[in-house]
């Protein structure tokens, strides 16, 4: 992974984190049922989990590029992308009431996580 690609992905992750934070700080819509609000909270946690996992993985990759850790050390299980069970789980409920902005964040964070998961698998195979 090149430094330029690493920086671009890092910037993309931070941008999505900022967008997620801005979206989540909006006051709750009082017209939504408690169940609907709970669905939103669950998906918001899934978004933040995806982005946190990606950010941690990117920091490990940056440490490799900067010579702080070796490539072999970066492939230790605790330094690999994790959280697949949560991050790749499909929403179990109808998301019809989910605002468009939230749906977009869900889609973008999942696409980013999936892209980084592919990179992580490629690095494992290469080792």
N, C-alpha and C. Protein backbone atom coordinates (compact mmCIF):
# COMPACT_ATOMS: atom_id res chain seq x y z
N UNK A 1 0.85 -1.18 0.00
CA UNK A 1 0.00 0.00 0.00
C UNK A 1 0.90 1.24 0.00
N UNK A 2 0.71 2.10 -0.97
CA UNK A 2 1.55 3.28 -1.08
C UNK A 2 1.17 4.32 -0.03
N UNK A 3 2.10 5.21 0.24
CA UNK A 3 1.84 6.27 1.21
C UNK A 3 0.68 7.15 0.75
N UNK A 4 0.60 7.42 -0.54
CA UNK A 4 -0.49 8.25 -1.08
C UNK A 4 -1.84 7.56 -0.86
N UNK A 5 -1.88 6.26 -1.16
CA UNK A 5 -3.13 5.50 -0.96
C UNK A 5 -3.49 5.47 0.52
N UNK A 6 -2.49 5.26 1.36
CA UNK A 6 -2.69 5.22 2.80
C UNK A 6 -3.25 6.54 3.30
N UNK A 7 -2.65 7.63 2.86
CA UNK A 7 -3.11 8.96 3.27
C UNK A 7 -4.52 9.23 2.78
N UNK A 8 -4.81 8.87 1.54
CA UNK A 8 -6.15 9.08 0.99
C UNK A 8 -7.22 8.30 1.74
N UNK A 9 -6.91 7.07 2.08
CA UNK A 9 -7.87 6.23 2.82
C UNK A 9 -8.04 6.76 4.24
N UNK A 10 -6.94 7.20 4.84
CA UNK A 10 -6.99 7.79 6.18
C UNK A 10 -7.87 9.05 6.16
N UNK A 11 -7.66 9.92 5.18
CA UNK A 11 -8.46 11.14 5.06
C UNK A 11 -9.94 10.81 4.84
N UNK A 12 -10.20 9.80 4.02
CA UNK A 12 -11.58 9.37 3.78
C UNK A 12 -12.22 8.88 5.07
N UNK A 13 -11.48 8.13 5.86
CA UNK A 13 -12.00 7.61 7.12
C UNK A 13 -12.30 8.75 8.09
N UNK A 14 -11.38 9.69 8.21
CA UNK A 14 -11.60 10.83 9.11
C UNK A 14 -12.80 11.67 8.66
N UNK A 15 -12.94 11.83 7.36
CA UNK A 15 -14.07 12.58 6.83
C UNK A 15 -15.39 11.90 7.17
N UNK A 16 -15.44 10.58 7.00
CA UNK A 16 -16.66 9.84 7.35
C UNK A 16 -16.92 9.89 8.85
N UNK A 17 -15.87 9.85 9.65
CA UNK A 17 -16.05 9.99 11.10
C UNK A 17 -16.65 11.35 11.45
N UNK A 18 -16.15 12.40 10.83
CA UNK A 18 -16.67 13.74 11.08
C UNK A 18 -18.13 13.86 10.64
N UNK A 19 -18.45 13.30 9.47
CA UNK A 19 -19.83 13.33 8.99
C UNK A 19 -20.75 12.55 9.93
N UNK A 20 -20.26 11.41 10.40
CA UNK A 20 -21.06 10.60 11.32
C UNK A 20 -21.31 11.35 12.62
N UNK A 21 -20.26 11.97 13.13
CA UNK A 21 -20.40 12.75 14.37
C UNK A 21 -21.41 13.87 14.18
N UNK A 22 -21.31 14.60 13.08
CA UNK A 22 -22.24 15.69 12.81
C UNK A 22 -23.67 15.18 12.71
N UNK A 23 -23.84 14.05 12.04
CA UNK A 23 -25.19 13.49 11.89
C UNK A 23 -25.74 13.06 13.25
N UNK A 24 -24.90 12.44 14.05
CA UNK A 24 -25.37 11.90 15.32
C UNK A 24 -25.59 12.96 16.38
N UNK A 25 -25.07 14.14 16.19
CA UNK A 25 -25.29 15.20 17.18
C UNK A 25 -26.57 15.98 16.90
N UNK A 26 -27.24 15.66 15.79
CA UNK A 26 -28.53 16.29 15.53
C UNK A 26 -29.52 15.82 16.58
N UNK A 27 -30.46 16.69 16.96
CA UNK A 27 -31.45 16.25 17.95
C UNK A 27 -32.30 15.10 17.39
N UNK A 28 -32.67 14.15 18.26
CA UNK A 28 -33.48 13.02 17.77
C UNK A 28 -34.84 13.50 17.27
N UNK A 29 -35.34 12.78 16.30
CA UNK A 29 -36.64 13.09 15.74
C UNK A 29 -37.69 12.50 16.67
N UNK A 30 -38.44 13.36 17.31
CA UNK A 30 -39.44 12.93 18.28
C UNK A 30 -40.58 12.15 17.67
N UNK A 31 -40.68 12.15 16.33
CA UNK A 31 -41.76 11.41 15.67
C UNK A 31 -41.44 9.93 15.55
N UNK A 32 -40.21 9.55 15.80
CA UNK A 32 -39.82 8.14 15.66
C UNK A 32 -40.19 7.36 16.92
N UNK A 33 -40.57 6.11 16.71
CA UNK A 33 -40.87 5.25 17.84
C UNK A 33 -39.58 4.88 18.56
N UNK A 34 -39.72 4.36 19.76
CA UNK A 34 -38.55 3.93 20.53
C UNK A 34 -37.80 2.82 19.79
N UNK A 35 -38.54 1.93 19.14
CA UNK A 35 -37.92 0.84 18.38
C UNK A 35 -37.13 1.41 17.21
N UNK A 36 -37.70 2.38 16.52
CA UNK A 36 -37.01 3.00 15.39
C UNK A 36 -35.75 3.71 15.87
N UNK A 37 -35.83 4.41 16.98
CA UNK A 37 -34.66 5.09 17.53
C UNK A 37 -33.58 4.07 17.90
N UNK A 38 -34.00 2.95 18.46
CA UNK A 38 -33.04 1.89 18.82
C UNK A 38 -32.34 1.35 17.58
N UNK A 39 -33.08 1.18 16.49
CA UNK A 39 -32.46 0.73 15.23
C UNK A 39 -31.40 1.72 14.76
N UNK A 40 -31.73 3.00 14.86
CA UNK A 40 -30.78 4.03 14.45
C UNK A 40 -29.52 3.99 15.31
N UNK A 41 -29.69 3.82 16.59
CA UNK A 41 -28.54 3.76 17.50
C UNK A 41 -27.68 2.54 17.18
N UNK A 42 -28.32 1.41 16.93
CA UNK A 42 -27.57 0.19 16.60
C UNK A 42 -26.76 0.39 15.32
N UNK A 43 -27.36 0.98 14.30
CA UNK A 43 -26.65 1.21 13.04
C UNK A 43 -25.57 2.27 13.20
N UNK A 44 -25.80 3.26 14.05
CA UNK A 44 -24.78 4.27 14.33
C UNK A 44 -23.57 3.61 14.99
N UNK A 45 -23.82 2.69 15.90
CA UNK A 45 -22.71 1.96 16.55
C UNK A 45 -21.97 1.10 15.53
N UNK A 46 -22.69 0.53 14.59
CA UNK A 46 -22.05 -0.29 13.55
C UNK A 46 -21.15 0.60 12.67
N UNK A 47 -21.64 1.79 12.34
CA UNK A 47 -20.84 2.73 11.54
C UNK A 47 -19.57 3.10 12.29
N UNK A 48 -19.71 3.48 13.54
CA UNK A 48 -18.52 3.89 14.31
C UNK A 48 -17.58 2.72 14.53
N UNK A 49 -18.10 1.52 14.66
CA UNK A 49 -17.24 0.34 14.79
C UNK A 49 -16.44 0.13 13.52
N UNK A 50 -17.10 0.23 12.39
CA UNK A 50 -16.39 0.06 11.11
C UNK A 50 -15.27 1.07 10.98
N UNK A 51 -15.61 2.33 11.22
CA UNK A 51 -14.62 3.38 11.04
C UNK A 51 -13.49 3.29 12.05
N UNK A 52 -13.79 2.90 13.27
CA UNK A 52 -12.75 2.73 14.29
C UNK A 52 -11.80 1.59 13.92
N UNK A 53 -12.36 0.50 13.44
CA UNK A 53 -11.53 -0.64 13.03
C UNK A 53 -10.63 -0.26 11.85
N UNK A 54 -11.19 0.45 10.88
CA UNK A 54 -10.41 0.87 9.72
C UNK A 54 -9.31 1.83 10.15
N UNK A 55 -9.63 2.77 11.01
CA UNK A 55 -8.63 3.74 11.46
C UNK A 55 -7.49 3.03 12.20
N UNK A 56 -7.81 2.08 13.05
CA UNK A 56 -6.76 1.33 13.76
C UNK A 56 -5.88 0.57 12.78
N UNK A 57 -6.50 -0.06 11.78
CA UNK A 57 -5.73 -0.80 10.77
C UNK A 57 -4.82 0.13 10.00
N UNK A 58 -5.34 1.30 9.62
CA UNK A 58 -4.53 2.26 8.89
C UNK A 58 -3.35 2.77 9.71
N UNK A 59 -3.55 2.91 11.00
CA UNK A 59 -2.45 3.35 11.86
C UNK A 59 -1.35 2.30 11.93
N UNK A 60 -1.74 1.03 11.93
CA UNK A 60 -0.74 -0.05 11.89
C UNK A 60 0.02 0.00 10.57
N UNK A 61 -0.71 0.17 9.47
CA UNK A 61 -0.05 0.24 8.16
C UNK A 61 0.91 1.43 8.11
N UNK A 62 0.51 2.54 8.70
CA UNK A 62 1.37 3.72 8.73
C UNK A 62 2.63 3.44 9.55
N UNK A 63 2.48 2.70 10.63
CA UNK A 63 3.63 2.34 11.45
C UNK A 63 4.61 1.48 10.66
N UNK A 64 4.11 0.63 9.78
CA UNK A 64 4.97 -0.18 8.92
C UNK A 64 5.72 0.73 7.95
N UNK A 65 5.00 1.62 7.30
CA UNK A 65 5.62 2.53 6.33
C UNK A 65 6.70 3.39 7.00
N UNK A 66 6.43 3.83 8.23
CA UNK A 66 7.37 4.68 8.95
C UNK A 66 8.50 3.89 9.61
N UNK A 67 8.47 2.56 9.49
CA UNK A 67 9.52 1.74 10.06
C UNK A 67 9.43 1.52 11.56
N UNK A 68 8.28 1.83 12.14
CA UNK A 68 8.09 1.65 13.58
C UNK A 68 7.92 0.18 13.92
N UNK A 69 7.22 -0.55 13.07
CA UNK A 69 7.06 -2.00 13.25
C UNK A 69 7.36 -2.68 11.91
N UNK A 70 7.67 -3.94 11.98
CA UNK A 70 7.96 -4.68 10.74
C UNK A 70 6.66 -5.17 10.10
N UNK A 71 6.78 -5.53 8.84
CA UNK A 71 5.63 -6.09 8.12
C UNK A 71 5.14 -7.35 8.84
N UNK A 72 6.07 -8.18 9.27
CA UNK A 72 5.70 -9.42 9.97
C UNK A 72 4.94 -9.11 11.26
N UNK A 73 5.41 -8.11 12.02
CA UNK A 73 4.72 -7.73 13.25
C UNK A 73 3.32 -7.19 12.97
N UNK A 74 3.17 -6.53 11.83
CA UNK A 74 1.87 -5.95 11.50
C UNK A 74 0.82 -7.02 11.22
N UNK A 75 1.27 -8.23 10.94
CA UNK A 75 0.33 -9.31 10.61
C UNK A 75 -0.08 -10.14 11.83
N UNK A 76 0.38 -9.72 13.01
CA UNK A 76 -0.05 -10.40 14.24
C UNK A 76 -1.57 -10.23 14.38
N UNK A 77 -2.25 -11.23 14.89
CA UNK A 77 -3.72 -11.17 14.97
C UNK A 77 -4.27 -9.90 15.62
N UNK A 78 -3.61 -9.42 16.65
CA UNK A 78 -4.11 -8.23 17.34
C UNK A 78 -3.92 -6.94 16.54
N UNK A 79 -3.16 -7.01 15.45
CA UNK A 79 -2.94 -5.83 14.62
C UNK A 79 -3.68 -5.90 13.29
N UNK A 80 -4.44 -6.94 13.11
CA UNK A 80 -5.19 -7.13 11.86
C UNK A 80 -6.56 -6.45 11.99
N UNK A 81 -7.21 -6.28 10.87
CA UNK A 81 -8.56 -5.74 10.87
C UNK A 81 -9.46 -6.73 11.59
N UNK A 82 -10.24 -6.27 12.51
CA UNK A 82 -11.13 -7.17 13.23
C UNK A 82 -12.55 -6.60 13.26
N UNK A 83 -13.41 -7.29 13.95
CA UNK A 83 -14.78 -6.84 14.08
C UNK A 83 -15.70 -7.23 12.95
N UNK A 84 -15.28 -8.20 12.14
CA UNK A 84 -16.08 -8.58 10.97
C UNK A 84 -17.51 -8.97 11.34
N UNK A 85 -17.67 -9.66 12.44
CA UNK A 85 -19.00 -10.13 12.82
C UNK A 85 -19.98 -8.96 12.97
N UNK A 86 -19.52 -7.88 13.56
CA UNK A 86 -20.37 -6.70 13.74
C UNK A 86 -20.37 -5.84 12.49
N UNK A 87 -19.19 -5.58 11.96
CA UNK A 87 -19.04 -4.61 10.86
C UNK A 87 -19.64 -5.07 9.55
N UNK A 88 -19.70 -6.37 9.32
CA UNK A 88 -20.24 -6.88 8.06
C UNK A 88 -21.65 -7.45 8.20
N UNK A 89 -22.19 -7.41 9.39
CA UNK A 89 -23.55 -7.91 9.60
C UNK A 89 -24.55 -7.03 8.87
N UNK A 90 -25.52 -7.66 8.29
CA UNK A 90 -26.59 -6.93 7.61
C UNK A 90 -27.60 -6.46 8.66
N UNK A 91 -28.19 -5.31 8.45
CA UNK A 91 -29.25 -4.88 9.36
C UNK A 91 -30.36 -5.93 9.37
N UNK A 92 -30.82 -6.30 10.54
CA UNK A 92 -31.82 -7.36 10.64
C UNK A 92 -33.24 -6.82 10.52
N UNK A 93 -33.38 -5.52 10.54
CA UNK A 93 -34.72 -4.93 10.51
C UNK A 93 -34.91 -4.10 9.25
N UNK A 94 -36.17 -3.77 9.00
CA UNK A 94 -36.49 -2.87 7.90
C UNK A 94 -35.93 -1.49 8.22
N UNK A 95 -35.21 -0.93 7.29
CA UNK A 95 -34.60 0.38 7.51
C UNK A 95 -35.35 1.49 6.80
N UNK A 96 -36.63 1.25 6.54
CA UNK A 96 -37.44 2.24 5.83
C UNK A 96 -37.48 3.59 6.51
N UNK A 97 -37.41 3.61 7.83
CA UNK A 97 -37.49 4.87 8.57
C UNK A 97 -36.13 5.53 8.76
N UNK A 98 -35.07 4.89 8.31
CA UNK A 98 -33.74 5.44 8.49
C UNK A 98 -33.57 6.63 7.54
N UNK A 99 -33.13 7.77 8.07
CA UNK A 99 -32.94 8.95 7.21
C UNK A 99 -31.92 8.68 6.10
N UNK A 100 -32.09 9.37 4.99
CA UNK A 100 -31.21 9.18 3.84
C UNK A 100 -29.75 9.41 4.20
N UNK A 101 -29.47 10.41 5.03
CA UNK A 101 -28.09 10.69 5.43
C UNK A 101 -27.46 9.53 6.18
N UNK A 102 -28.25 8.91 7.02
CA UNK A 102 -27.77 7.75 7.79
C UNK A 102 -27.54 6.57 6.85
N UNK A 103 -28.44 6.35 5.91
CA UNK A 103 -28.27 5.25 4.96
C UNK A 103 -26.98 5.44 4.15
N UNK A 104 -26.72 6.67 3.76
CA UNK A 104 -25.50 6.96 2.99
C UNK A 104 -24.26 6.66 3.85
N UNK A 105 -24.27 7.06 5.10
CA UNK A 105 -23.14 6.77 5.99
C UNK A 105 -22.98 5.27 6.20
N UNK A 106 -24.09 4.56 6.30
CA UNK A 106 -24.04 3.10 6.44
C UNK A 106 -23.38 2.48 5.22
N UNK A 107 -23.80 2.91 4.05
CA UNK A 107 -23.26 2.35 2.80
C UNK A 107 -21.79 2.70 2.62
N UNK A 108 -21.44 3.95 2.85
CA UNK A 108 -20.05 4.37 2.66
C UNK A 108 -19.11 3.72 3.66
N UNK A 109 -19.55 3.62 4.92
CA UNK A 109 -18.67 3.00 5.92
C UNK A 109 -18.50 1.51 5.65
N UNK A 110 -19.56 0.86 5.18
CA UNK A 110 -19.44 -0.56 4.85
C UNK A 110 -18.51 -0.76 3.65
N UNK A 111 -18.66 0.06 2.63
CA UNK A 111 -17.80 -0.05 1.44
C UNK A 111 -16.34 0.17 1.83
N UNK A 112 -16.07 1.14 2.67
CA UNK A 112 -14.70 1.40 3.13
C UNK A 112 -14.17 0.21 3.92
N UNK A 113 -14.97 -0.31 4.83
CA UNK A 113 -14.55 -1.46 5.63
C UNK A 113 -14.27 -2.66 4.73
N UNK A 114 -15.14 -2.93 3.77
CA UNK A 114 -14.95 -4.06 2.86
C UNK A 114 -13.67 -3.89 2.04
N UNK A 115 -13.40 -2.67 1.60
CA UNK A 115 -12.19 -2.41 0.82
C UNK A 115 -10.94 -2.68 1.66
N UNK A 116 -10.94 -2.21 2.89
CA UNK A 116 -9.80 -2.44 3.78
C UNK A 116 -9.69 -3.92 4.14
N UNK A 117 -10.82 -4.61 4.28
CA UNK A 117 -10.79 -6.05 4.57
C UNK A 117 -10.11 -6.80 3.42
N UNK A 118 -10.39 -6.39 2.18
CA UNK A 118 -9.73 -7.02 1.03
C UNK A 118 -8.22 -6.76 1.07
N UNK A 119 -7.83 -5.55 1.40
CA UNK A 119 -6.40 -5.23 1.51
C UNK A 119 -5.74 -6.06 2.61
N UNK A 120 -6.43 -6.20 3.72
CA UNK A 120 -5.90 -6.98 4.83
C UNK A 120 -5.70 -8.44 4.43
N UNK A 121 -6.66 -9.01 3.71
CA UNK A 121 -6.53 -10.40 3.23
C UNK A 121 -5.39 -10.52 2.23
N UNK A 122 -5.24 -9.52 1.37
CA UNK A 122 -4.13 -9.55 0.40
C UNK A 122 -2.78 -9.53 1.11
N UNK A 123 -2.65 -8.72 2.14
CA UNK A 123 -1.38 -8.67 2.88
C UNK A 123 -1.11 -10.00 3.57
N UNK A 124 -2.15 -10.63 4.09
CA UNK A 124 -1.98 -11.93 4.76
C UNK A 124 -1.51 -12.97 3.77
N UNK A 125 -2.09 -13.01 2.58
CA UNK A 125 -1.70 -13.99 1.57
C UNK A 125 -0.28 -13.76 1.08
N UNK A 126 0.10 -12.51 1.02
CA UNK A 126 1.43 -12.14 0.54
C UNK A 126 2.54 -12.54 1.51
N UNK A 127 2.19 -12.63 2.77
CA UNK A 127 3.19 -12.91 3.82
C UNK A 127 3.68 -14.34 3.79
